Amino acid sequence: MEDNFRKTFDVCPNCGSDQRFCEQLAQEVKDKGLGRPEWTLYFDNRSGGVFDQNRAILLPIGSKIPAYQITTDICMECGTIYASEIIKLQATIQRGNIPPLTHNPSAS
């Protein structure tokens, strides 16, 4: 997959409708002057880094890892929840995920 992968889905994969619930709610807000023109609303917006949690301790701070962002909306014709956009990103490790040290007083 390319580093800058981005795909948008303009119609419902189930029925082909281009009417999305959250997108239309956002447009109503913008039409009333209550939202910026570039503002968008989605049903859900998920993002995260992709790495093996069991190897997190091995990732130095500043490491680059693959990441994703997936936005969804709801079809107003058939109710299908579907991805309206998927994006491959790159995330930077900000801090190490080092498990806390435990102190066993009886071992001293």
C-alpha atoms as a PDB file:
ATOM      1  CA  MET A   1       0.000   0.000   0.000  1.00  0.00           C
ATOM      2  CA  GLU A   2       1.307   3.462  -0.823  1.00  0.00           C
ATOM      3  CA  ASP A   3       2.452   5.697   2.048  1.00  0.00           C
ATOM      4  CA  ASN A   4      -0.095   8.377   1.163  1.00  0.00           C
ATOM      5  CA  PHE A   5      -3.063   6.013   0.600  1.00  0.00           C
ATOM      6  CA  ARG A   6      -6.427   7.794   0.849  1.00  0.00           C
ATOM      7  CA  LYS A   7      -9.769   6.603  -0.438  1.00  0.00           C
ATOM      8  CA  THR A   8     -13.185   8.203  -0.187  1.00  0.00           C
ATOM      9  CA  PHE A   9     -16.486   6.450  -0.741  1.00  0.00           C
ATOM     10  CA  ASP A  10     -19.165   8.809  -2.041  1.00  0.00           C
ATOM     11  CA  VAL A  11     -22.062   6.372  -2.190  1.00  0.00           C
ATOM     12  CA  CYS A  12     -23.478   3.634   0.010  1.00  0.00           C
ATOM     13  CA  PRO A  13     -22.013   0.240  -0.923  1.00  0.00           C
ATOM     14  CA  ASN A  14     -25.368  -1.376  -0.176  1.00  0.00           C
ATOM     15  CA  CYS A  15     -27.910   0.745  -2.106  1.00  0.00           C
ATOM     16  CA  GLY A  16     -25.864   3.359  -4.006  1.00  0.00           C
ATOM     17  CA  SER A  17     -27.414   6.401  -2.281  1.00  0.00           C
ATOM     18  CA  ASP A  18     -25.263   9.510  -1.809  1.00  0.00           C
ATOM     19  CA  GLN A  19     -27.406  10.789   1.099  1.00  0.00           C
ATOM     20  CA  ARG A  20     -25.457  10.604   4.372  1.00  0.00           C
ATOM     21  CA  PHE A  21     -27.052  11.429   7.710  1.00  0.00           C
ATOM     22  CA  CYS A  22     -24.211  13.159   9.591  1.00  0.00           C
ATOM     23  CA  GLU A  23     -23.002  14.961   6.480  1.00  0.00           C
ATOM     24  CA  GLN A  24     -26.483  16.481   6.038  1.00  0.00           C
ATOM     25  CA  LEU A  25     -26.715  17.436   9.719  1.00  0.00           C
ATOM     26  CA  ALA A  26     -23.406  19.266   9.400  1.00  0.00           C
ATOM     27  CA  GLN A  27     -24.668  21.086   6.304  1.00  0.00           C
ATOM     28  CA  GLU A  28     -27.748  22.285   8.227  1.00  0.00           C
ATOM     29  CA  VAL A  29     -25.467  23.692  10.943  1.00  0.00           C
ATOM     30  CA  LYS A  30     -23.289  25.452   8.340  1.00  0.00           C
ATOM     31  CA  ASP A  31     -26.357  26.832   6.532  1.00  0.00           C
ATOM     32  CA  LYS A  32     -27.404  28.500   9.810  1.00  0.00           C
ATOM     33  CA  GLY A  33     -23.951  30.073  10.171  1.00  0.00           C
ATOM     34  CA  LEU A  34     -23.111  27.932  13.189  1.00  0.00           C
ATOM     35  CA  GLY A  35     -20.279  25.967  11.616  1.00  0.00           C
ATOM     36  CA  ARG A  36     -17.171  26.791   9.631  1.00  0.00           C
ATOM     37  CA  PRO A  37     -17.355  25.955   5.909  1.00  0.00           C
ATOM     38  CA  GLU A  38     -14.541  23.388   6.211  1.00  0.00           C
ATOM     39  CA  TRP A  39     -16.070  21.676   9.289  1.00  0.00           C
ATOM     40  CA  THR A  40     -17.303  18.113   8.833  1.00  0.00           C
ATOM     41  CA  LEU A  41     -19.302  15.704  10.967  1.00  0.00           C
ATOM     42  CA  TYR A  42     -19.039  11.928  10.858  1.00  0.00           C
ATOM     43  CA  PHE A  43     -20.875   9.155  12.665  1.00  0.00           C
ATOM     44  CA  ASP A  44     -17.546   7.836  13.901  1.00  0.00           C
ATOM     45  CA  ASN A  45     -13.906   8.739  13.412  1.00  0.00           C
ATOM     46  CA  ARG A  46     -11.279   6.227  14.518  1.00  0.00           C
ATOM     47  CA  SER A  47      -7.525   6.482  14.293  1.00  0.00           C
ATOM     48  CA  GLY A  48      -4.535   4.769  15.754  1.00  0.00           C
ATOM     49  CA  GLY A  49      -1.057   3.420  15.361  1.00  0.00           C
ATOM     50  CA  VAL A  50      -0.429  -0.114  14.165  1.00  0.00           C
ATOM     51  CA  PHE A  51       2.100  -2.094  16.189  1.00  0.00           C
ATOM     52  CA  ASP A  52       2.400  -5.234  18.301  1.00  0.00           C
ATOM     53  CA  GLN A  53       1.664  -4.298  21.930  1.00  0.00           C
ATOM     54  CA  ASN A  54       4.047  -7.024  23.090  1.00  0.00           C
ATOM     55  CA  ARG A  55       6.899  -5.252  21.282  1.00  0.00           C
ATOM     56  CA  ALA A  56       5.986  -1.684  22.275  1.00  0.00           C
ATOM     57  CA  ILE A  57       8.854  -1.487  24.763  1.00  0.00           C
ATOM     58  CA  LEU A  58      11.301  -1.994  21.878  1.00  0.00           C
ATOM     59  CA  LEU A  59      10.092   1.097  19.988  1.00  0.00           C
ATOM     60  CA  PRO A  60      12.350   4.084  20.693  1.00  0.00           C
ATOM     61  CA  ILE A  61      10.764   7.482  21.202  1.00  0.00           C
ATOM     62  CA  GLY A  62      10.570   9.186  17.811  1.00  0.00           C
ATOM     63  CA  SER A  63      10.028   5.931  15.890  1.00  0.00           C
ATOM     64  CA  LYS A  64       7.654   6.152  12.926  1.00  0.00           C
ATOM     65  CA  ILE A  65       4.913   3.540  12.710  1.00  0.00           C
ATOM     66  CA  PRO A  66       2.014   3.007  10.299  1.00  0.00           C
ATOM     67  CA  ALA A  67      -1.278   4.519  11.403  1.00  0.00           C
ATOM     68  CA  TYR A  68      -4.817   4.862  10.092  1.00  0.00           C
ATOM     69  CA  GLN A  69      -7.890   7.072  10.165  1.00  0.00           C
ATOM     70  CA  ILE A  70     -11.333   5.722   9.288  1.00  0.00           C
ATOM     71  CA  THR A  71     -14.445   7.885   9.165  1.00  0.00           C
ATOM     72  CA  THR A  72     -17.960   6.506   8.864  1.00  0.00           C
ATOM     73  CA  ASP A  73     -21.436   7.819   8.182  1.00  0.00           C
ATOM     74  CA  ILE A  74     -24.957   6.386   7.901  1.00  0.00           C
ATOM     75  CA  CYS A  75     -26.880   5.948   4.651  1.00  0.00           C
ATOM     76  CA  MET A  76     -30.214   7.778   4.845  1.00  0.00           C
ATOM     77  CA  GLU A  77     -31.875   5.377   2.412  1.00  0.00           C
ATOM     78  CA  CYS A  78     -31.083   1.960   3.892  1.00  0.00           C
ATOM     79  CA  GLY A  79     -29.359   2.695   7.242  1.00  0.00           C
ATOM     80  CA  THR A  80     -26.055   1.072   6.366  1.00  0.00           C
ATOM     81  CA  ILE A  81     -23.087   2.346   8.377  1.00  0.00           C
ATOM     82  CA  TYR A  82     -20.110   2.502   6.037  1.00  0.00           C
ATOM     83  CA  ALA A  83     -16.637   3.995   5.712  1.00  0.00           C
ATOM     84  CA  SER A  84     -16.774   7.343   3.943  1.00  0.00           C
ATOM     85  CA  GLU A  85     -12.989   7.771   4.042  1.00  0.00           C
ATOM     86  CA  ILE A  86      -9.971   5.633   4.886  1.00  0.00           C
ATOM     87  CA  ILE A  87      -6.480   7.086   5.175  1.00  0.00           C
ATOM     88  CA  LYS A  88      -3.073   5.574   5.835  1.00  0.00           C
ATOM     89  CA  LEU A  89      -1.008   7.837   8.069  1.00  0.00           C
ATOM     90  CA  GLN A  90       2.307   7.778   9.865  1.00  0.00           C
ATOM     91  CA  ALA A  91       2.517   8.233  13.626  1.00  0.00           C
ATOM     92  CA  THR A  92       5.495   9.102  15.798  1.00  0.00           C
ATOM     93  CA  ILE A  93       6.046   7.339  19.116  1.00  0.00           C
ATOM     94  CA  GLN A  94       5.841  10.109  21.726  1.00  0.00           C
ATOM     95  CA  ARG A  95       6.750   8.158  24.835  1.00  0.00           C
ATOM     96  CA  GLY A  96       7.794   4.628  25.638  1.00  0.00           C
ATOM     97  CA  ASN A  97       5.186   2.172  26.857  1.00  0.00           C
ATOM     98  CA  ILE A  98       7.321   0.751  29.649  1.00  0.00           C
ATOM     99  CA  PRO A  99       5.444  -1.343  32.214  1.00  0.00           C
ATOM    100  CA  PRO A 100       5.680  -0.027  35.787  1.00  0.00           C
ATOM    101  CA  LEU A 101       8.356  -1.551  37.981  1.00  0.00           C
ATOM    102  CA  THR A 102       7.105  -3.395  41.017  1.00  0.00           C
ATOM    103  CA  HIS A 103       8.914  -3.524  44.327  1.00  0.00           C
ATOM    104  CA  ASN A 104       8.828  -6.745  46.290  1.00  0.00           C
ATOM    105  CA  PRO A 105       9.885  -5.891  49.895  1.00  0.00           C
ATOM    106  CA  SER A 106      10.400  -9.544  50.810  1.00  0.00           C
ATOM    107  CA  ALA A 107      13.051  -9.910  48.086  1.00  0.00           C
ATOM    108  CA  SER A 108      15.328  -7.238  49.664  1.00  0.00           C
END
